[in-house]
Protein backbone atom coordinates (compact mmCIF):
# COMPACT_ATOMS: atom_id res chain seq x y z
CA MET A 1 52.08 101.05 5.00
CA PRO A 2 49.68 101.85 2.17
CA PHE A 3 46.88 99.47 1.33
CA ARG A 4 47.15 97.49 -1.80
CA SER A 5 44.08 95.95 -3.21
CA ARG A 6 44.35 92.37 -3.84
CA PRO A 7 44.15 91.37 -7.44
CA PRO A 8 40.93 89.51 -8.52
CA ALA A 9 40.98 85.82 -8.34
CA THR A 10 41.43 83.95 -11.78
CA PRO A 11 38.22 82.36 -12.64
CA PRO A 12 38.14 78.72 -13.04
CA GLU A 13 38.64 77.42 -16.50
CA GLN A 14 35.76 76.36 -18.51
CA PRO A 15 35.63 72.87 -19.86
CA ALA A 16 37.03 72.18 -23.29
CA ALA A 17 33.64 71.41 -24.73
CA SER A 18 32.06 74.76 -23.50
CA ARG A 19 35.09 76.63 -25.16
CA ARG A 20 34.28 74.90 -28.32
CA LEU A 21 30.67 75.64 -28.39
CA SER A 22 31.00 79.34 -27.76
CA LEU A 23 32.86 80.54 -30.84
CA HIS A 24 32.08 84.19 -30.10
CA ARG A 25 31.56 84.34 -26.23
CA PRO A 26 30.01 87.66 -25.27
CA ALA A 27 31.53 89.64 -22.39
CA ALA A 28 30.00 88.94 -19.02
CA PRO A 29 26.80 91.20 -18.62
CA ALA A 30 26.53 94.05 -16.17
CA LEU A 31 24.88 93.17 -12.87
CA PRO A 32 21.21 93.72 -12.80
CA PRO A 33 20.21 96.94 -10.63
CA ASP A 34 18.41 94.76 -8.01
CA ARG A 35 21.64 92.84 -7.30
CA PRO A 36 23.83 94.10 -4.51
CA VAL A 37 26.76 96.34 -5.63
CA PRO A 38 30.12 94.82 -4.64
CA PRO A 39 31.95 97.14 -2.14
CA SER A 40 34.52 99.77 -3.56
CA PRO A 41 38.18 98.85 -3.00
CA ALA A 42 38.31 101.77 -0.38
CA ALA A 43 36.64 99.60 2.21
CA SER A 44 38.77 97.80 4.86
CA PRO A 45 40.13 94.68 3.88
CA GLY A 46 37.99 92.67 6.34
CA ALA A 47 35.04 94.10 5.13
CA ARG A 48 35.77 93.42 1.52
CA ARG A 49 36.45 89.72 2.28
CA GLU A 50 32.97 89.41 3.99
CA ALA A 51 30.87 91.37 1.51
CA ALA A 52 32.47 90.28 -1.96
CA PRO A 53 30.77 87.44 -3.57
CA PRO A 54 32.61 84.47 -4.91
CA PRO A 55 34.71 85.12 -8.05
CA ARG A 56 32.72 82.74 -9.90
CA VAL A 57 29.49 84.51 -9.32
CA GLN A 58 31.10 87.93 -10.64
CA ARG A 59 33.02 86.64 -13.62
CA VAL A 60 30.99 83.71 -15.24
CA ALA A 61 28.56 84.68 -17.84
CA PRO A 62 24.98 83.29 -17.43
CA PRO A 63 24.49 79.60 -17.89
CA VAL A 64 22.54 79.96 -21.14
CA ALA A 65 25.42 81.51 -22.80
CA VAL A 66 27.59 78.67 -21.90
CA SER A 67 25.62 75.58 -21.82
CA ALA A 68 23.18 76.36 -24.76
CA PRO A 69 25.02 78.63 -27.17
CA ALA A 70 23.38 79.74 -30.41
CA GLY A 71 24.56 77.97 -33.63
CA THR A 72 24.22 74.91 -35.72
CA ARG A 73 26.41 71.71 -35.34
CA LEU A 74 29.31 71.71 -37.73
CA ASN A 75 28.56 68.39 -39.41
CA LYS A 76 24.99 69.75 -40.08
CA ARG A 77 26.25 72.99 -41.63
CA LEU A 78 28.61 71.20 -43.99
CA ALA A 79 25.74 68.87 -45.09
CA GLU A 80 23.40 72.03 -45.57
CA LEU A 81 26.15 73.42 -47.77
CA GLY A 82 26.05 70.33 -49.86
CA LEU A 83 29.60 69.44 -49.31
CA CYS A 84 28.93 65.93 -47.87
CA SER A 85 26.62 64.01 -45.59
CA ARG A 86 26.64 64.46 -41.85
CA ARG A 87 28.35 60.90 -41.30
CA GLU A 88 31.11 62.05 -43.92
CA ALA A 89 31.44 65.38 -42.12
CA ASP A 90 32.18 63.62 -38.81
CA ASP A 91 34.89 61.63 -40.65
CA TRP A 92 36.36 64.82 -41.97
CA ILE A 93 36.55 66.51 -38.57
CA ALA A 94 37.89 63.24 -36.89
CA HIS A 95 40.75 63.58 -39.86
CA GLY A 96 41.45 67.20 -38.89
CA TRP A 97 40.37 68.30 -42.52
CA VAL A 98 37.86 70.83 -41.20
CA TYR A 99 38.73 74.54 -39.81
CA VAL A 100 36.59 76.95 -38.08
CA ASN A 101 37.97 80.47 -38.12
CA GLY A 102 41.30 79.09 -38.94
CA LYS A 103 41.58 76.39 -35.97
CA VAL A 104 41.08 72.86 -36.47
CA ALA A 105 37.53 71.95 -35.54
CA GLU A 106 36.66 69.49 -32.90
CA MET A 107 33.90 66.87 -33.06
CA GLY A 108 30.53 68.62 -31.77
CA VAL A 109 31.49 72.23 -32.13
CA LYS A 110 28.72 74.60 -33.37
CA VAL A 111 29.10 77.54 -35.72
CA THR A 112 27.01 80.46 -36.64
CA PRO A 113 26.62 82.23 -40.02
CA GLN A 114 29.60 84.73 -39.01
CA ASP A 115 32.13 81.84 -38.62
CA LYS A 116 34.49 80.97 -41.43
CA VAL A 117 34.39 77.26 -42.33
CA THR A 118 37.24 75.83 -44.55
CA VAL A 119 37.98 72.13 -45.70
CA GLU A 120 41.22 70.95 -46.65
CA ARG A 121 41.90 69.52 -50.26
CA ALA A 122 42.42 66.18 -48.86
CA ALA A 123 38.81 65.75 -47.97
CA GLN A 124 37.88 66.65 -51.59
CA ARG A 125 40.37 64.18 -52.98
CA GLN A 126 39.03 61.47 -50.97
CA GLN A 127 35.51 62.38 -52.20
CA ALA A 128 36.61 62.29 -55.73
CA ASN A 129 37.59 58.74 -55.30
CA GLN A 130 34.26 57.69 -54.05
CA VAL A 131 32.06 55.65 -56.24
CA THR A 132 28.26 55.30 -56.66
CA ILE A 133 26.79 51.86 -58.02
CA VAL A 134 23.58 51.04 -59.82
CA LEU A 135 22.39 47.59 -59.17
CA HIS A 136 19.43 45.51 -60.51
CA LYS A 137 18.43 43.88 -57.36
CA PRO A 138 16.83 40.63 -57.64
CA MET A 139 14.15 39.13 -55.16
CA GLY A 140 15.39 37.53 -51.98
CA TYR A 141 18.01 40.28 -51.00
CA VAL A 142 17.47 42.94 -48.61
CA SER A 143 18.54 46.54 -49.27
CA GLY A 144 20.51 47.24 -46.06
CA GLN A 145 22.03 44.95 -43.24
CA ALA A 146 21.48 41.40 -43.38
CA GLU A 147 18.12 40.56 -41.28
CA ASP A 148 16.31 37.43 -40.67
CA GLY A 149 19.02 35.21 -42.38
CA HIS A 150 18.56 37.13 -45.62
CA THR A 151 21.58 38.42 -47.54
CA PRO A 152 22.17 42.02 -48.12
CA ALA A 153 22.16 43.40 -51.65
CA VAL A 154 25.91 44.54 -51.15
CA ALA A 155 26.92 41.09 -51.23
CA LEU A 156 26.28 41.16 -55.01
CA ILE A 157 28.84 43.74 -55.76
CA ASN A 158 31.96 41.87 -56.74
CA PRO A 159 33.96 41.33 -60.08
CA ARG A 160 31.93 38.37 -61.04
CA THR A 161 28.77 40.35 -61.36
CA HIS A 162 30.04 43.52 -62.82
CA TRP A 163 28.06 44.10 -65.96
CA ARG A 164 30.36 43.45 -69.00
CA GLU A 165 28.85 46.52 -70.84
CA ASP A 166 29.32 48.92 -68.03
CA PRO A 167 30.34 52.21 -70.03
CA SER A 168 31.87 53.95 -67.17
CA GLY A 169 35.35 52.34 -67.85
CA LEU A 170 35.87 51.86 -64.06
CA ARG A 171 37.52 48.69 -62.59
CA PHE A 172 36.33 47.14 -59.52
CA THR A 173 38.77 47.22 -56.48
CA PRO A 174 38.15 46.15 -52.87
CA PRO A 175 38.24 49.82 -51.47
CA HIS A 176 34.97 50.35 -53.46
CA LEU A 177 33.24 48.38 -50.90
CA ARG A 178 34.32 50.45 -48.06
CA GLY A 179 31.31 52.55 -46.59
CA LEU A 180 29.11 51.39 -49.62
CA ALA A 181 25.41 51.89 -48.27
CA PRO A 182 22.14 51.76 -50.06
CA ALA A 183 20.40 55.22 -50.84
CA GLY A 184 16.97 54.06 -50.47
CA ARG A 185 15.38 50.81 -50.12
CA LEU A 186 13.57 47.95 -51.85
CA ASP A 187 11.79 45.38 -49.95
CA ILE A 188 12.95 41.76 -50.17
CA ASP A 189 10.38 40.72 -52.73
CA SER A 190 10.71 43.96 -54.90
CA VAL A 191 13.15 44.19 -57.60
CA GLY A 192 14.70 46.68 -59.74
CA LEU A 193 16.94 49.72 -59.51
CA LEU A 194 18.84 50.04 -56.22
CA VAL A 195 21.63 52.70 -55.60
CA LEU A 196 24.57 52.12 -53.38
CA THR A 197 26.98 54.84 -52.64
CA GLN A 198 30.06 55.99 -50.84
CA ASP A 199 29.18 59.49 -51.44
CA GLY A 200 27.30 61.31 -48.76
CA ARG A 201 26.18 63.87 -51.28
CA VAL A 202 24.47 61.46 -53.46
CA ALA A 203 22.90 59.85 -50.46
CA ARG A 204 21.52 63.27 -49.34
CA GLN A 205 20.21 64.05 -52.79
CA LEU A 206 18.21 60.75 -52.94
CA ILE A 207 16.97 60.23 -49.33
CA GLY A 208 17.47 63.49 -47.49
CA GLU A 209 14.59 65.21 -45.83
CA ASP A 210 14.63 67.88 -48.62
CA SER A 211 14.95 65.40 -51.62
CA LEU A 212 12.90 66.25 -54.65
CA ILE A 213 14.11 63.32 -56.79
CA ASP A 214 11.27 61.37 -58.09
CA LYS A 215 11.23 57.42 -58.45
CA GLU A 216 9.42 55.40 -60.88
CA TYR A 217 7.78 51.92 -60.37
CA LEU A 218 5.85 49.22 -62.34
CA VAL A 219 3.39 47.69 -60.17
CA ARG A 220 1.25 44.60 -61.08
CA VAL A 221 -2.10 44.47 -59.37
CA VAL A 222 -5.24 42.38 -58.67
CA TYR A 223 -8.52 44.20 -57.87
CA GLU A 224 -10.16 42.85 -54.74
CA GLY A 225 -12.76 45.49 -54.36
CA PRO A 226 -12.90 48.39 -51.74
CA ASP A 227 -14.52 46.20 -49.17
CA ALA A 228 -11.67 43.47 -49.35
CA ARG A 229 -10.73 42.33 -45.63
CA ARG A 230 -7.38 43.33 -44.51
CA THR A 231 -5.82 41.09 -41.92
CA GLY A 232 -2.77 43.10 -41.07
CA GLU A 233 -0.65 40.31 -41.97
CA ARG A 234 2.40 40.45 -44.13
CA ALA A 235 1.18 39.95 -47.65
CA ALA A 236 2.28 36.89 -49.73
CA PRO A 237 5.65 37.32 -51.61
CA LEU A 238 5.44 39.25 -54.83
CA GLN A 239 5.82 37.92 -58.45
CA GLU A 240 8.66 38.82 -60.90
CA ILE A 241 7.54 41.62 -62.98
CA ASP A 242 8.73 42.99 -66.37
CA GLU A 243 7.37 45.70 -68.95
CA ARG A 244 7.13 42.87 -71.57
CA ASP A 245 5.12 40.41 -69.55
CA PRO A 246 1.85 39.13 -71.17
CA VAL A 247 -1.38 40.52 -69.92
CA ARG A 248 -3.43 37.92 -68.07
CA THR A 249 -6.15 39.79 -66.32
CA ASN A 250 -7.83 43.19 -67.38
CA VAL A 251 -7.81 44.96 -64.07
CA GLN A 252 -8.22 48.30 -65.82
CA ALA A 253 -11.50 47.42 -67.19
CA VAL A 254 -12.98 46.74 -63.61
CA PHE A 255 -11.21 49.26 -61.57
CA PRO A 256 -13.23 52.64 -60.98
CA PRO A 257 -11.65 55.58 -62.43
CA ALA A 258 -12.50 57.55 -59.19
CA LEU A 259 -10.27 55.27 -57.26
CA LEU A 260 -7.40 55.96 -59.64
CA GLU A 261 -7.85 59.75 -58.94
CA ARG A 262 -7.59 58.84 -55.18
CA LEU A 263 -4.26 57.20 -55.83
CA ARG A 264 -2.94 60.21 -57.43
CA HIS A 265 -4.12 62.42 -54.73
CA GLY A 266 -6.15 62.09 -51.57
CA LEU A 267 -4.72 59.17 -49.61
CA SER A 268 -2.93 59.56 -46.11
CA LEU A 269 -0.48 57.07 -44.27
CA ASP A 270 0.31 57.24 -40.70
CA GLY A 271 -1.98 60.22 -40.26
CA GLN A 272 -0.10 62.32 -42.68
CA PRO A 273 -1.60 63.18 -46.25
CA LEU A 274 0.54 61.87 -49.10
CA LYS A 275 2.09 64.16 -51.62
CA PRO A 276 0.53 64.03 -55.12
CA ALA A 277 1.61 61.22 -57.19
CA LYS A 278 1.55 60.19 -60.87
CA VAL A 279 -0.39 56.94 -61.40
CA ASP A 280 -1.40 55.88 -64.70
CA TRP A 281 -1.97 52.42 -66.49
CA GLN A 282 1.06 50.77 -68.17
CA ASN A 283 -0.99 48.02 -69.40
CA PRO A 284 -4.43 46.39 -68.26
CA GLU A 285 -2.77 44.90 -65.11
CA GLN A 286 0.31 47.17 -64.34
CA LEU A 287 0.16 50.62 -63.10
CA ARG A 288 2.93 53.07 -63.25
CA PHE A 289 3.76 55.01 -60.12
CA VAL A 290 5.98 58.09 -60.01
CA LEU A 291 6.59 59.28 -56.43
CA THR A 292 8.52 61.83 -54.61
CA GLU A 293 8.41 60.30 -51.11
CA GLY A 294 9.24 57.07 -49.93
CA LYS A 295 7.46 55.76 -46.87
CA LYS A 296 7.69 52.34 -45.78
CA ARG A 297 5.81 50.10 -48.12
CA GLN A 298 4.03 53.04 -49.44
CA ILE A 299 2.77 51.74 -52.80
CA ARG A 300 1.31 48.52 -51.19
CA ARG A 301 -0.38 50.57 -48.56
CA MET A 302 -1.73 53.09 -51.00
CA CYS A 303 -3.13 50.33 -53.20
CA GLU A 304 -4.84 48.54 -50.15
CA GLN A 305 -6.90 51.61 -49.53
CA VAL A 306 -8.55 51.40 -52.85
CA GLY A 307 -8.79 47.69 -52.98
CA LEU A 308 -5.82 46.72 -55.00
CA LYS A 309 -3.69 44.02 -54.11
CA VAL A 310 0.13 44.32 -55.19
CA VAL A 311 1.41 41.13 -56.71
CA GLY A 312 4.63 42.37 -58.25
CA LEU A 313 6.78 45.71 -57.86
CA LYS A 314 9.78 46.88 -59.87
CA ARG A 315 11.58 50.12 -59.75
CA ILE A 316 12.88 51.29 -63.03
CA ARG A 317 14.14 54.91 -62.60
CA ILE A 318 15.48 57.32 -59.95
CA GLY A 319 15.63 60.80 -61.22
CA ARG A 320 17.46 60.72 -64.52
CA VAL A 321 19.05 57.42 -64.17
CA THR A 322 17.11 54.24 -65.51
CA LEU A 323 17.53 50.74 -64.99
CA GLY A 324 17.88 50.17 -68.70
CA ASN A 325 19.22 46.81 -69.99
CA LEU A 326 21.20 46.23 -66.80
CA PRO A 327 20.56 42.29 -66.21
CA VAL A 328 19.07 41.00 -62.98
CA GLY A 329 21.67 40.62 -60.24
CA GLN A 330 24.25 42.62 -61.98
CA TRP A 331 25.62 46.21 -61.32
CA ARG A 332 27.44 48.97 -63.03
CA TYR A 333 29.17 52.24 -61.87
CA LEU A 334 27.47 55.50 -62.17
CA GLY A 335 29.17 57.19 -64.84
CA ALA A 336 31.11 60.53 -64.44
CA ASN A 337 28.48 62.40 -66.57
CA GLU A 338 25.53 60.91 -64.93
CA ARG A 339 23.19 62.80 -62.67
CA PHE A 340 20.18 61.88 -60.78
């Protein structure tokens, strides 16, 4: 009876996650020269069974090609393209609205520049219905989640506090609260412009790592001198502040110009040099800060380094959107033609 070679064993199926990650899996590489060459089919059946390595060793690609494939996570790629935020991308993927090379994408998949990524129009329609809100935050409210018994600013978004002079023409509906989150923060005792949005593109534009949007603040200060003692304790609550407040103390007259230059450029926080800032006197006791970054309590900590104590802080502008005449504690919709 003629000898028939046994067909090669079927390699074990890779886990589903591995198949998703390797969108273009390369063919198994040739065996290196120093690895023993498997016997030819002409050898006896017994010898072949003894010498042949397990099928998994022969057929499976090196671990690096399976467990650590090259590429970028799909949600990050969609965010980099400016289509949405990462969180919003995850929602689109969960709805089955994103395709990679014509196939419905699964959560966690990675893509390369050669992969074709498409998004269904349903995602675009959902995005078109998302709203962005401009709020004049009063003192006593936290920007994000409720903490230490303090009310979050989103609690102010209701029909009663909607500014009657809102030029957008939009009417409040409960779905406008779904997924509404602050794009940036103001401390509990800081006041002024706070943006809340459902749109991940807006959030990325304002607080993303590569954001270049500048923010403008009015800051009332008291000069305590460069040798003022710092205890590290939380400062006393700030005062209400407004551009039209009467001047009580001429801080500008006693504050050294050289220290004003340091505020503009030359300070560091947390071991990192700060980006240049625009800092000028608004009036003899108020400074106007324009920043392109937003470290925690940045303005107060900057002022402390030059002997100034902040006693009032108000944000009046983010990019091209200003607080304007919006009353304290009221809000309006970002208009269709408004851009940050």
